Amino acid sequence: MREAPWLEVSDDGFNGTLSKDIGNLQELRRLYLSDNPFTGTIPTELGLCEKLEVLHIHHTNFNGTAPDQVCKLRDKNLNSHANVGIFYADCRPENSTGPPFLECLCCSDCCDHLTGVCIADD
């Protein structure tokens, strides 16, 4: 039996950190982690998921900076310029004044963690 090429975790069902083992999901195409109180940083190993097309990590508690390894996926399938990939994250300044939860120079859409408003950044 073949596993589905996506993983959806939403509605406050999971917390804690995202395991580095996420990089073992080589066939992963869509990852929805939004609306969960995940903490810590995004593991660089997520960049090993080269088939990733959709990544939703907004309205979480991830902090730090989006890893370069994940940003490099924007040159592959996670590329909104080709109208296929989407990368949502909490990278808008909170309430338009405070620092963002997550620094991200490669997100296609940046969201305000508090208001939930997302704006296309590409």
PDB file of N, CA and C in Angstrom:
ATOM      1  N   MET A   1       0.828  -1.167   0.000  1.00  0.00           N
ATOM      2  CA  MET A   1       0.000   0.000   0.000  1.00  0.00           C
ATOM      3  C   MET A   1       0.882   1.243   0.000  1.00  0.00           C
ATOM      4  N   ARG A   2       0.615   2.161  -0.898  1.00  0.00           N
ATOM      5  CA  ARG A   2       1.409   3.365  -1.043  1.00  0.00           C
ATOM      6  C   ARG A   2       0.840   4.471  -0.162  1.00  0.00           C
ATOM      7  N   GLU A   3       1.719   5.183   0.540  1.00  0.00           N
ATOM      8  CA  GLU A   3       1.283   6.267   1.399  1.00  0.00           C
ATOM      9  C   GLU A   3       0.925   7.494   0.578  1.00  0.00           C
ATOM     10  N   ALA A   4      -0.005   8.288   1.086  1.00  0.00           N
ATOM     11  CA  ALA A   4      -0.397   9.527   0.424  1.00  0.00           C
ATOM     12  C   ALA A   4       0.775  10.506   0.442  1.00  0.00           C
ATOM     13  N   PRO A   5       0.946  11.315  -0.630  1.00  0.00           N
ATOM     14  CA  PRO A   5       2.072  12.245  -0.698  1.00  0.00           C
ATOM     15  C   PRO A   5       1.817  13.566   0.021  1.00  0.00           C
ATOM     16  N   TRP A   6       0.970  13.575   1.044  1.00  0.00           N
ATOM     17  CA  TRP A   6       0.747  14.797   1.805  1.00  0.00           C
ATOM     18  C   TRP A   6       0.546  14.469   3.266  1.00  0.00           C
ATOM     19  N   LEU A   7       0.731  15.474   4.066  1.00  0.00           N
ATOM     20  CA  LEU A   7       0.537  15.351   5.503  1.00  0.00           C
ATOM     21  C   LEU A   7      -0.177  16.606   5.958  1.00  0.00           C
ATOM     22  N   GLU A   8      -1.340  16.437   6.580  1.00  0.00           N
ATOM     23  CA  GLU A   8      -2.106  17.568   7.076  1.00  0.00           C
ATOM     24  C   GLU A   8      -2.298  17.410   8.571  1.00  0.00           C
ATOM     25  N   VAL A   9      -1.857  18.402   9.289  1.00  0.00           N
ATOM     26  CA  VAL A   9      -1.970  18.431  10.735  1.00  0.00           C
ATOM     27  C   VAL A   9      -2.527  19.804  11.071  1.00  0.00           C
ATOM     28  N   SER A  10      -3.783  19.874  11.499  1.00  0.00           N
ATOM     29  CA  SER A  10      -4.355  21.185  11.773  1.00  0.00           C
ATOM     30  C   SER A  10      -5.328  21.128  12.936  1.00  0.00           C
ATOM     31  N   ASP A  11      -5.846  22.292  13.283  1.00  0.00           N
ATOM     32  CA  ASP A  11      -6.855  22.440  14.336  1.00  0.00           C
ATOM     33  C   ASP A  11      -6.329  22.108  15.721  1.00  0.00           C
ATOM     34  N   ASP A  12      -5.173  22.657  16.064  1.00  0.00           N
ATOM     35  CA  ASP A  12      -4.595  22.525  17.400  1.00  0.00           C
ATOM     36  C   ASP A  12      -4.389  21.079  17.837  1.00  0.00           C
ATOM     37  N   GLY A  13      -4.146  20.177  16.900  1.00  0.00           N
ATOM     38  CA  GLY A  13      -4.012  18.773  17.245  1.00  0.00           C
ATOM     39  C   GLY A  13      -2.623  18.359  17.662  1.00  0.00           C
ATOM     40  N   PHE A  14      -1.598  19.141  17.315  1.00  0.00           N
ATOM     41  CA  PHE A  14      -0.227  18.756  17.609  1.00  0.00           C
ATOM     42  C   PHE A  14       0.534  19.923  18.204  1.00  0.00           C
ATOM     43  N   ASN A  15       1.496  19.608  19.051  1.00  0.00           N
ATOM     44  CA  ASN A  15       2.378  20.636  19.582  1.00  0.00           C
ATOM     45  C   ASN A  15       3.762  20.056  19.709  1.00  0.00           C
ATOM     46  N   GLY A  16       4.692  20.855  20.203  1.00  0.00           N
ATOM     47  CA  GLY A  16       6.073  20.413  20.298  1.00  0.00           C
ATOM     48  C   GLY A  16       6.864  20.877  19.095  1.00  0.00           C
ATOM     49  N   THR A  17       7.960  20.215  18.837  1.00  0.00           N
ATOM     50  CA  THR A  17       8.821  20.591  17.718  1.00  0.00           C
ATOM     51  C   THR A  17       8.592  19.650  16.538  1.00  0.00           C
ATOM     52  N   LEU A  18       9.026  20.089  15.381  1.00  0.00           N
ATOM     53  CA  LEU A  18       8.949  19.268  14.177  1.00  0.00           C
ATOM     54  C   LEU A  18      10.229  18.451  14.081  1.00  0.00           C
ATOM     55  N   SER A  19      10.093  17.150  13.987  1.00  0.00           N
ATOM     56  CA  SER A  19      11.237  16.248  13.977  1.00  0.00           C
ATOM     57  C   SER A  19      12.086  16.423  12.721  1.00  0.00           C
ATOM     58  N   LYS A  20      13.376  16.251  12.889  1.00  0.00           N
ATOM     59  CA  LYS A  20      14.301  16.260  11.756  1.00  0.00           C
ATOM     60  C   LYS A  20      14.009  15.100  10.810  1.00  0.00           C
ATOM     61  N   ASP A  21      13.294  14.090  11.295  1.00  0.00           N
ATOM     62  CA  ASP A  21      12.934  12.941  10.463  1.00  0.00           C
ATOM     63  C   ASP A  21      11.972  13.315   9.339  1.00  0.00           C
ATOM     64  N   ILE A  22      11.431  14.530   9.374  1.00  0.00           N
ATOM     65  CA  ILE A  22      10.551  14.980   8.294  1.00  0.00           C
ATOM     66  C   ILE A  22      11.282  14.882   6.948  1.00  0.00           C
ATOM     67  N   GLY A  23      12.583  15.010   6.960  1.00  0.00           N
ATOM     68  CA  GLY A  23      13.382  14.913   5.734  1.00  0.00           C
ATOM     69  C   GLY A  23      13.366  13.536   5.109  1.00  0.00           C
ATOM     70  N   ASN A  24      12.922  12.513   5.850  1.00  0.00           N
ATOM     71  CA  ASN A  24      12.834  11.155   5.308  1.00  0.00           C
ATOM     72  C   ASN A  24      11.616  10.958   4.419  1.00  0.00           C
ATOM     73  N   LEU A  25      10.705  11.906   4.405  1.00  0.00           N
ATOM     74  CA  LEU A  25       9.487  11.788   3.593  1.00  0.00           C
ATOM     75  C   LEU A  25       9.765  12.306   2.184  1.00  0.00           C
ATOM     76  N   GLN A  26      10.536  11.549   1.437  1.00  0.00           N
ATOM     77  CA  GLN A  26      11.013  11.962   0.121  1.00  0.00           C
ATOM     78  C   GLN A  26       9.901  12.207  -0.901  1.00  0.00           C
ATOM     79  N   GLU A  27       8.752  11.569  -0.742  1.00  0.00           N
ATOM     80  CA  GLU A  27       7.642  11.735  -1.683  1.00  0.00           C
ATOM     81  C   GLU A  27       6.650  12.814  -1.252  1.00  0.00           C
ATOM     82  N   LEU A  28       6.925  13.484  -0.157  1.00  0.00           N
ATOM     83  CA  LEU A  28       6.018  14.491   0.379  1.00  0.00           C
ATOM     84  C   LEU A  28       5.824  15.632  -0.612  1.00  0.00           C
ATOM     85  N   ARG A  29       4.576  15.919  -0.933  1.00  0.00           N
ATOM     86  CA  ARG A  29       4.257  16.994  -1.867  1.00  0.00           C
ATOM     87  C   ARG A  29       3.553  18.162  -1.185  1.00  0.00           C
ATOM     88  N   ARG A  30       2.795  17.882  -0.136  1.00  0.00           N
ATOM     89  CA  ARG A  30       2.046  18.929   0.566  1.00  0.00           C
ATOM     90  C   ARG A  30       2.179  18.717   2.063  1.00  0.00           C
ATOM     91  N   LEU A  31       2.481  19.806   2.757  1.00  0.00           N
ATOM     92  CA  LEU A  31       2.623  19.755   4.202  1.00  0.00           C
ATOM     93  C   LEU A  31       1.845  20.919   4.809  1.00  0.00           C
ATOM     94  N   TYR A  32       0.806  20.587   5.553  1.00  0.00           N
ATOM     95  CA  TYR A  32      -0.048  21.576   6.195  1.00  0.00           C
ATOM     96  C   TYR A  32       0.111  21.442   7.706  1.00  0.00           C
ATOM     97  N   LEU A  33       0.771  22.390   8.320  1.00  0.00           N
ATOM     98  CA  LEU A  33       0.992  22.370   9.765  1.00  0.00           C
ATOM     99  C   LEU A  33       0.309  23.543  10.459  1.00  0.00           C
ATOM    100  N   SER A  34      -0.403  24.358   9.722  1.00  0.00           N
ATOM    101  CA  SER A  34      -1.010  25.574  10.252  1.00  0.00           C
ATOM    102  C   SER A  34      -1.982  25.288  11.376  1.00  0.00           C
ATOM    103  N   ASP A  35      -2.148  26.306  12.217  1.00  0.00           N
ATOM    104  CA  ASP A  35      -3.102  26.273  13.329  1.00  0.00           C
ATOM    105  C   ASP A  35      -2.764  25.234  14.388  1.00  0.00           C
ATOM    106  N   ASN A  36      -1.494  24.966  14.556  1.00  0.00           N
ATOM    107  CA  ASN A  36      -1.002  24.082  15.610  1.00  0.00           C
ATOM    108  C   ASN A  36       0.092  24.807  16.365  1.00  0.00           C
ATOM    109  N   PRO A  37       0.170  24.595  17.674  1.00  0.00           N
ATOM    110  CA  PRO A  37       1.166  25.321  18.462  1.00  0.00           C
ATOM    111  C   PRO A  37       2.564  24.688  18.423  1.00  0.00           C
ATOM    112  N   PHE A  38       3.065  24.382  17.211  1.00  0.00           N
ATOM    113  CA  PHE A  38       4.437  23.892  17.093  1.00  0.00           C
ATOM    114  C   PHE A  38       5.397  24.953  17.608  1.00  0.00           C
ATOM    115  N   THR A  39       6.515  24.533  18.177  1.00  0.00           N
ATOM    116  CA  THR A  39       7.516  25.458  18.689  1.00  0.00           C
ATOM    117  C   THR A  39       8.865  25.143  18.065  1.00  0.00           C
ATOM    118  N   GLY A  40       9.836  25.985  18.352  1.00  0.00           N
ATOM    119  CA  GLY A  40      11.183  25.755  17.855  1.00  0.00           C
ATOM    120  C   GLY A  40      11.355  26.294  16.450  1.00  0.00           C
ATOM    121  N   THR A  41      12.314  25.740  15.765  1.00  0.00           N
ATOM    122  CA  THR A  41      12.641  26.192  14.416  1.00  0.00           C
ATOM    123  C   THR A  41      12.240  25.135  13.390  1.00  0.00           C
ATOM    124  N   ILE A  42      12.231  25.551  12.143  1.00  0.00           N
ATOM    125  CA  ILE A  42      11.951  24.619  11.047  1.00  0.00           C
ATOM    126  C   ILE A  42      13.235  23.849  10.771  1.00  0.00           C
ATOM    127  N   PRO A  43      13.179  22.524  10.820  1.00  0.00           N
ATOM    128  CA  PRO A  43      14.411  21.756  10.602  1.00  0.00           C
ATOM    129  C   PRO A  43      14.934  21.899   9.173  1.00  0.00           C
ATOM    130  N   THR A  44      16.237  22.018   9.054  1.00  0.00           N
ATOM    131  CA  THR A  44      16.855  22.132   7.724  1.00  0.00           C
ATOM    132  C   THR A  44      16.558  20.893   6.880  1.00  0.00           C
ATOM    133  N   GLU A  45      16.328  19.757   7.537  1.00  0.00           N
ATOM    134  CA  GLU A  45      16.063  18.503   6.821  1.00  0.00           C
ATOM    135  C   GLU A  45      14.792  18.574   5.971  1.00  0.00           C
ATOM    136  N   LEU A  46      13.909  19.507   6.249  1.00  0.00           N
ATOM    137  CA  LEU A  46      12.720  19.665   5.403  1.00  0.00           C
ATOM    138  C   LEU A  46      13.137  19.962   3.966  1.00  0.00           C
ATOM    139  N   GLY A  47      14.307  20.541   3.796  1.00  0.00           N
ATOM    140  CA  GLY A  47      14.836  20.815   2.460  1.00  0.00           C
ATOM    141  C   GLY A  47      15.132  19.565   1.653  1.00  0.00           C
ATOM    142  N   LEU A  48      15.150  18.394   2.296  1.00  0.00           N
ATOM    143  CA  LEU A  48      15.357  17.125   1.577  1.00  0.00           C
ATOM    144  C   LEU A  48      14.096  16.660   0.862  1.00  0.00           C
ATOM    145  N   CYS A  49      12.973  17.271   1.157  1.00  0.00           N
ATOM    146  CA  CYS A  49      11.687  16.913   0.533  1.00  0.00           C
ATOM    147  C   CYS A  49      11.559  17.673  -0.782  1.00  0.00           C
ATOM    148  N   GLU A  50      12.321  17.264  -1.768  1.00  0.00           N
ATOM    149  CA  GLU A  50      12.450  18.012  -3.017  1.00  0.00           C
ATOM    150  C   GLU A  50      11.192  18.032  -3.875  1.00  0.00           C
ATOM    151  N   LYS A  51      10.220  17.202  -3.590  1.00  0.00           N
ATOM    152  CA  LYS A  51       8.970  17.203  -4.359  1.00  0.00           C
ATOM    153  C   LYS A  51       7.900  18.092  -3.727  1.00  0.00           C
ATOM    154  N   LEU A  52       8.247  18.752  -2.620  1.00  0.00           N
ATOM    155  CA  LEU A  52       7.301  19.581  -1.891  1.00  0.00           C
ATOM    156  C   LEU A  52       6.768  20.708  -2.772  1.00  0.00           C
ATOM    157  N   GLU A  53       5.438  20.798  -2.874  1.00  0.00           N
ATOM    158  CA  GLU A  53       4.772  21.814  -3.689  1.00  0.00           C
ATOM    159  C   GLU A  53       4.031  22.837  -2.838  1.00  0.00           C
ATOM    160  N   VAL A  54       3.516  22.411  -1.693  1.00  0.00           N
ATOM    161  CA  VAL A  54       2.730  23.288  -0.827  1.00  0.00           C
ATOM    162  C   VAL A  54       3.233  23.127   0.599  1.00  0.00           C
ATOM    163  N   LEU A  55       3.518  24.262   1.241  1.00  0.00           N
ATOM    164  CA  LEU A  55       3.970  24.262   2.623  1.00  0.00           C
ATOM    165  C   LEU A  55       3.216  25.355   3.367  1.00  0.00           C
ATOM    166  N   HIS A  56       2.380  24.959   4.309  1.00  0.00           N
ATOM    167  CA  HIS A  56       1.620  25.897   5.135  1.00  0.00           C
ATOM    168  C   HIS A  56       2.095  25.767   6.574  1.00  0.00           C
ATOM    169  N   ILE A  57       2.804  26.764   7.040  1.00  0.00           N
ATOM    170  CA  ILE A  57       3.289  26.740   8.421  1.00  0.00           C
ATOM    171  C   ILE A  57       2.927  28.047   9.125  1.00  0.00           C
ATOM    172  N   HIS A  58       1.805  28.636   8.729  1.00  0.00           N
ATOM    173  CA  HIS A  58       1.389  29.872   9.376  1.00  0.00           C
ATOM    174  C   HIS A  58       0.481  29.564  10.566  1.00  0.00           C
ATOM    175  N   HIS A  59       0.406  30.541  11.436  1.00  0.00           N
ATOM    176  CA  HIS A  59      -0.352  30.439  12.688  1.00  0.00           C
ATOM    177  C   HIS A  59       0.143  29.253  13.518  1.00  0.00           C
ATOM    178  N   THR A  60       1.462  29.174  13.616  1.00  0.00           N
ATOM    179  CA  THR A  60       2.156  28.230  14.492  1.00  0.00           C
ATOM    180  C   THR A  60       3.047  29.075  15.401  1.00  0.00           C
ATOM    181  N   ASN A  61       3.883  28.437  16.159  1.00  0.00           N
ATOM    182  CA  ASN A  61       4.841  29.172  16.988  1.00  0.00           C
ATOM    183  C   ASN A  61       6.272  28.913  16.552  1.00  0.00           C
ATOM    184  N   PHE A  62       6.474  28.517  15.279  1.00  0.00           N
ATOM    185  CA  PHE A  62       7.838  28.391  14.767  1.00  0.00           C
ATOM    186  C   PHE A  62       8.494  29.764  14.834  1.00  0.00           C
ATOM    187  N   ASN A  63       9.790  29.790  15.139  1.00  0.00           N
ATOM    188  CA  ASN A  63      10.499  31.059  15.191  1.00  0.00           C
ATOM    189  C   ASN A  63      11.834  30.909  14.490  1.00  0.00           C
ATOM    190  N   GLY A  64      12.606  31.958  14.505  1.00  0.00           N
ATOM    191  CA  GLY A  64      13.905  31.929  13.851  1.00  0.00           C
ATOM    192  C   GLY A  64      13.783  32.355  12.399  1.00  0.00           C
ATOM    193  N   THR A  65      14.501  31.675  11.555  1.00  0.00           N
ATOM    194  CA  THR A  65      14.564  31.994  10.131  1.00  0.00           C
ATOM    195  C   THR A  65      14.271  30.747   9.315  1.00  0.00           C
ATOM    196  N   ALA A  66      13.545  30.920   8.216  1.00  0.00           N
ATOM    197  CA  ALA A  66      13.325  29.790   7.306  1.00  0.00           C
ATOM    198  C   ALA A  66      14.688  29.337   6.783  1.00  0.00           C
ATOM    199  N   PRO A  67      15.021  28.058   6.927  1.00  0.00           N
ATOM    200  CA  PRO A  67      16.342  27.578   6.509  1.00  0.00           C
ATOM    201  C   PRO A  67      16.578  27.737   5.013  1.00  0.00           C
ATOM    202  N   ASP A  68      17.829  27.999   4.660  1.00  0.00           N
ATOM    203  CA  ASP A  68      18.200  28.104   3.244  1.00  0.00           C
ATOM    204  C   ASP A  68      17.814  26.843   2.480  1.00  0.00           C
ATOM    205  N   GLN A  69      17.943  25.681   3.125  1.00  0.00           N
ATOM    206  CA  GLN A  69      17.625  24.416   2.463  1.00  0.00           C
ATOM    207  C   GLN A  69      16.152  24.379   2.053  1.00  0.00           C
ATOM    208  N   VAL A  70      15.277  24.960   2.852  1.00  0.00           N
ATOM    209  CA  VAL A  70      13.854  25.024   2.516  1.00  0.00           C
ATOM    210  C   VAL A  70      13.633  26.078   1.436  1.00  0.00           C
ATOM    211  N   CYS A  71      14.305  27.210   1.561  1.00  0.00           N
ATOM    212  CA  CYS A  71      14.166  28.266   0.550  1.00  0.00           C
ATOM    213  C   CYS A  71      14.614  27.785  -0.833  1.00  0.00           C
ATOM    214  N   LYS A  72      15.608  26.922  -0.882  1.00  0.00           N
ATOM    215  CA  LYS A  72      16.073  26.409  -2.176  1.00  0.00           C
ATOM    216  C   LYS A  72      15.012  25.568  -2.874  1.00  0.00           C
ATOM    217  N   LEU A  73      14.022  25.083  -2.117  1.00  0.00           N
ATOM    218  CA  LEU A  73      12.912  24.345  -2.740  1.00  0.00           C
ATOM    219  C   LEU A  73      12.084  25.259  -3.631  1.00  0.00           C
ATOM    220  N   ARG A  74      12.178  26.565  -3.437  1.00  0.00           N
ATOM    221  CA  ARG A  74      11.458  27.511  -4.284  1.00  0.00           C
ATOM    222  C   ARG A  74      11.975  27.457  -5.716  1.00  0.00           C
ATOM    223  N   ASP A  75      13.180  26.939  -5.928  1.00  0.00           N
ATOM    224  CA  ASP A  75      13.717  26.767  -7.284  1.00  0.00           C
ATOM    225  C   ASP A  75      13.224  25.481  -7.919  1.00  0.00           C
ATOM    226  N   LYS A  76      12.459  24.715  -7.159  1.00  0.00           N
ATOM    227  CA  LYS A  76      11.955  23.426  -7.650  1.00  0.00           C
ATOM    228  C   LYS A  76      10.438  23.503  -7.716  1.00  0.00           C
ATOM    229  N   ASN A  77       9.732  22.606  -7.049  1.00  0.00           N
ATOM    230  CA  ASN A  77       8.268  22.570  -7.105  1.00  0.00           C
ATOM    231  C   ASN A  77       7.587  23.579  -6.196  1.00  0.00           C
ATOM    232  N   LEU A  78       8.276  24.054  -5.174  1.00  0.00           N
ATOM    233  CA  LEU A  78       7.702  25.017  -4.227  1.00  0.00           C
ATOM    234  C   LEU A  78       7.896  26.427  -4.795  1.00  0.00           C
ATOM    235  N   ASN A  79       7.352  26.644  -5.995  1.00  0.00           N
ATOM    236  CA  ASN A  79       7.623  27.855  -6.761  1.00  0.00           C
ATOM    237  C   ASN A  79       6.328  28.446  -7.274  1.00  0.00           C
ATOM    238  N   SER A  80       5.877  29.531  -6.687  1.00  0.00           N
ATOM    239  CA  SER A  80       4.605  30.133  -7.110  1.00  0.00           C
ATOM    240  C   SER A  80       4.714  30.827  -8.456  1.00  0.00           C
ATOM    241  N   HIS A  81       5.917  31.114  -8.931  1.00  0.00           N
ATOM    242  CA  HIS A  81       6.055  31.740 -10.250  1.00  0.00           C
ATOM    243  C   HIS A  81       5.505  30.822 -11.339  1.00  0.00           C
ATOM    244  N   ALA A  82       5.589  29.534 -11.116  1.00  0.00           N
ATOM    245  CA  ALA A  82       5.040  28.568 -12.076  1.00  0.00           C
ATOM    246  C   ALA A  82       3.604  28.196 -11.714  1.00  0.00           C
ATOM    247  N   ASN A  83       3.014  28.921 -10.757  1.00  0.00           N
ATOM    248  CA  ASN A  83       1.647  28.682 -10.300  1.00  0.00           C
ATOM    249  C   ASN A  83       1.431  27.275  -9.761  1.00  0.00           C
ATOM    250  N   VAL A  84       2.457  26.679  -9.203  1.00  0.00           N
ATOM    251  CA  VAL A  84       2.288  25.359  -8.598  1.00  0.00           C
ATOM    252  C   VAL A  84       2.563  25.365  -7.105  1.00  0.00           C
ATOM    253  N   GLY A  85       3.526  26.118  -6.643  1.00  0.00           N
ATOM    254  CA  GLY A  85       3.939  26.022  -5.247  1.00  0.00           C
ATOM    255  C   GLY A  85       3.481  27.180  -4.389  1.00  0.00           C
ATOM    256  N   ILE A  86       3.247  26.873  -3.124  1.00  0.00           N
ATOM    257  CA  ILE A  86       2.835  27.878  -2.157  1.00  0.00           C
ATOM    258  C   ILE A  86       3.596  27.638  -0.866  1.00  0.00           C
ATOM    259  N   PHE A  87       4.111  28.702  -0.271  1.00  0.00           N
ATOM    260  CA  PHE A  87       4.820  28.619   0.998  1.00  0.00           C
ATOM    261  C   PHE A  87       4.277  29.728   1.902  1.00  0.00           C
ATOM    262  N   TYR A  88       3.347  29.363   2.804  1.00  0.00           N
ATOM    263  CA  TYR A  88       2.758  30.287   3.769  1.00  0.00           C
ATOM    264  C   TYR A  88       3.505  30.183   5.091  1.00  0.00           C
ATOM    265  N   ALA A  89       3.817  31.336   5.688  1.00  0.00           N
ATOM    266  CA  ALA A  89       4.464  31.354   6.999  1.00  0.00           C
ATOM    267  C   ALA A  89       4.118  32.652   7.721  1.00  0.00           C
ATOM    268  N   ASP A  90       4.362  32.689   9.013  1.00  0.00           N
ATOM    269  CA  ASP A  90       4.113  33.875   9.834  1.00  0.00           C
ATOM    270  C   ASP A  90       5.281  34.841   9.710  1.00  0.00           C
ATOM    271  N   CYS A  91       5.437  35.437   8.547  1.00  0.00           N
ATOM    272  CA  CYS A  91       6.588  36.308   8.306  1.00  0.00           C
ATOM    273  C   CYS A  91       6.215  37.774   8.140  1.00  0.00           C
ATOM    274  N   ARG A  92       4.946  38.126   8.351  1.00  0.00           N
ATOM    275  CA  ARG A  92       4.553  39.549   8.363  1.00  0.00           C
ATOM    276  C   ARG A  92       4.773  40.114   9.754  1.00  0.00           C
ATOM    277  N   PRO A  93       5.147  41.394   9.831  1.00  0.00           N
ATOM    278  CA  PRO A  93       5.276  42.007  11.162  1.00  0.00           C
ATOM    279  C   PRO A  93       3.948  41.936  11.904  1.00  0.00           C
ATOM    280  N   GLU A  94       4.002  41.540  13.155  1.00  0.00           N
ATOM    281  CA  GLU A  94       2.778  41.426  13.943  1.00  0.00           C
ATOM    282  C   GLU A  94       2.111  42.784  14.102  1.00  0.00           C
ATOM    283  N   ASN A  95       0.823  42.849  13.815  1.00  0.00           N
ATOM    284  CA  ASN A  95       0.052  44.093  13.884  1.00  0.00           C
ATOM    285  C   ASN A  95       0.737  45.213  13.110  1.00  0.00           C
ATOM    286  N   SER A  96       1.448  44.853  12.051  1.00  0.00           N
ATOM    287  CA  SER A  96       2.164  45.780  11.162  1.00  0.00           C
ATOM    288  C   SER A  96       3.279  46.555  11.844  1.00  0.00           C
ATOM    289  N   THR A  97       3.604  46.251  13.091  1.00  0.00           N
ATOM    290  CA  THR A  97       4.641  47.019  13.776  1.00  0.00           C
ATOM    291  C   THR A  97       5.717  46.150  14.413  1.00  0.00           C
ATOM    292  N   GLY A  98       5.343  45.020  14.981  1.00  0.00           N
ATOM    293  CA  GLY A  98       6.302  44.183  15.696  1.00  0.00           C
ATOM    294  C   GLY A  98       7.072  43.279  14.757  1.00  0.00           C
ATOM    295  N   PRO A  99       8.054  42.591  15.290  1.00  0.00           N
ATOM    296  CA  PRO A  99       8.817  41.654  14.459  1.00  0.00           C
ATOM    297  C   PRO A  99       7.964  40.434  14.099  1.00  0.00           C
ATOM    298  N   PRO A 100       8.236  39.826  12.960  1.00  0.00           N
ATOM    299  CA  PRO A 100       7.493  38.613  12.599  1.00  0.00           C
ATOM    300  C   PRO A 100       7.911  37.437  13.483  1.00  0.00           C
ATOM    301  N   PHE A 101       7.055  36.441  13.574  1.00  0.00           N
ATOM    302  CA  PHE A 101       7.409  35.216  14.290  1.00  0.00           C
ATOM    303  C   PHE A 101       8.570  34.527  13.587  1.00  0.00           C
ATOM    304  N   LEU A 102       8.556  34.542  12.259  1.00  0.00           N
ATOM    305  CA  LEU A 102       9.517  33.793  11.459  1.00  0.00           C
ATOM    306  C   LEU A 102      10.084  34.693  10.369  1.00  0.00           C
ATOM    307  N   GLU A 103      11.394  34.805  10.310  1.00  0.00           N
ATOM    308  CA  GLU A 103      12.032  35.529   9.213  1.00  0.00           C
ATOM    309  C   GLU A 103      12.027  34.614   7.999  1.00  0.00           C
ATOM    310  N   CYS A 104      11.525  35.128   6.886  1.00  0.00           N
ATOM    311  CA  CYS A 104      11.452  34.298   5.686  1.00  0.00           C
ATOM    312  C   CYS A 104      11.630  35.178   4.467  1.00  0.00           C
ATOM    313  N   LEU A 105      12.712  34.972   3.753  1.00  0.00           N
ATOM    314  CA  LEU A 105      12.978  35.738   2.538  1.00  0.00           C
ATOM    315  C   LEU A 105      12.454  35.038   1.297  1.00  0.00           C
ATOM    316  N   CYS A 106      11.879  33.849   1.462  1.00  0.00           N
ATOM    317  CA  CYS A 106      11.475  33.072   0.296  1.00  0.00           C
ATOM    318  C   CYS A 106      10.012  32.654   0.318  1.00  0.00           C
ATOM    319  N   CYS A 107       9.256  33.093   1.303  1.00  0.00           N
ATOM    320  CA  CYS A 107       7.848  32.695   1.400  1.00  0.00           C
ATOM    321  C   CYS A 107       7.039  33.321   0.260  1.00  0.00           C
ATOM    322  N   SER A 108       6.083  32.582  -0.250  1.00  0.00           N
ATOM    323  CA  SER A 108       5.209  33.146  -1.279  1.00  0.00           C
ATOM    324  C   SER A 108       4.135  34.016  -0.660  1.00  0.00           C
ATOM    325  N   ASP A 109       3.712  33.693   0.567  1.00  0.00           N
ATOM    326  CA  ASP A 109       2.677  34.438   1.274  1.00  0.00           C
ATOM    327  C   ASP A 109       3.098  34.584   2.729  1.00  0.00           C
ATOM    328  N   CYS A 110       3.093  35.818   3.211  1.00  0.00           N
ATOM    329  CA  CYS A 110       3.453  36.083   4.601  1.00  0.00           C
ATOM    330  C   CYS A 110       2.200  36.426   5.390  1.00  0.00           C
ATOM    331  N   CYS A 111       2.071  35.838   6.572  1.00  0.00           N
ATOM    332  CA  CYS A 111       0.894  35.998   7.410  1.00  0.00           C
ATOM    333  C   CYS A 111       1.262  36.707   8.705  1.00  0.00           C
ATOM    334  N   ASP A 112       0.298  37.436   9.250  1.00  0.00           N
ATOM    335  CA  ASP A 112       0.416  38.034  10.575  1.00  0.00           C
ATOM    336  C   ASP A 112      -0.073  36.988  11.566  1.00  0.00           C
ATOM    337  N   HIS A 113       0.778  36.582  12.472  1.00  0.00           N
ATOM    338  CA  HIS A 113       0.461  35.505  13.411  1.00  0.00           C
ATOM    339  C   HIS A 113      -0.782  35.825  14.248  1.00  0.00           C
ATOM    340  N   LEU A 114      -0.922  37.064  14.660  1.00  0.00           N
ATOM    341  CA  LEU A 114      -2.034  37.427  15.540  1.00  0.00           C
ATOM    342  C   LEU A 114      -3.356  37.579  14.803  1.00  0.00           C
ATOM    343  N   THR A 115      -3.340  38.240  13.649  1.00  0.00           N
ATOM    344  CA  THR A 115      -4.590  38.495  12.931  1.00  0.00           C
ATOM    345  C   THR A 115      -4.958  37.376  11.972  1.00  0.00           C
ATOM    346  N   GLY A 116      -3.973  36.592  11.545  1.00  0.00           N
ATOM    347  CA  GLY A 116      -4.235  35.527  10.581  1.00  0.00           C
ATOM    348  C   GLY A 116      -4.305  36.025   9.151  1.00  0.00           C
ATOM    349  N   VAL A 117      -4.096  37.306   8.913  1.00  0.00           N
ATOM    350  CA  VAL A 117      -4.151  37.880   7.566  1.00  0.00           C
ATOM    351  C   VAL A 117      -2.881  37.492   6.814  1.00  0.00           C
ATOM    352  N   CYS A 118      -3.052  36.975   5.593  1.00  0.00           N
ATOM    353  CA  CYS A 118      -1.924  36.579   4.763  1.00  0.00           C
ATOM    354  C   CYS A 118      -1.915  37.436   3.501  1.00  0.00           C
ATOM    355  N   ILE A 119      -0.730  37.860   3.105  1.00  0.00           N
ATOM    356  CA  ILE A 119      -0.536  38.700   1.930  1.00  0.00           C
ATOM    357  C   ILE A 119       0.497  38.016   1.034  1.00  0.00           C
ATOM    358  N   ALA A 120       0.189  37.960  -0.275  1.00  0.00           N
ATOM    359  CA  ALA A 120       1.153  37.402  -1.226  1.00  0.00           C
ATOM    360  C   ALA A 120       2.419  38.245  -1.200  1.00  0.00           C
ATOM    361  N   ASP A 121       3.559  37.575  -1.100  1.00  0.00           N
ATOM    362  CA  ASP A 121       4.843  38.266  -1.005  1.00  0.00           C
ATOM    363  C   ASP A 121       5.639  38.146  -2.288  1.00  0.00           C
ATOM    364  N   ASP A 122       5.194  37.342  -3.228  1.00  0.00           N
ATOM    365  CA  ASP A 122       5.913  37.190  -4.501  1.00  0.00           C
ATOM    366  C   ASP A 122       5.528  38.270  -5.466  1.00  0.00           C
TER     367      ASP A 122
END
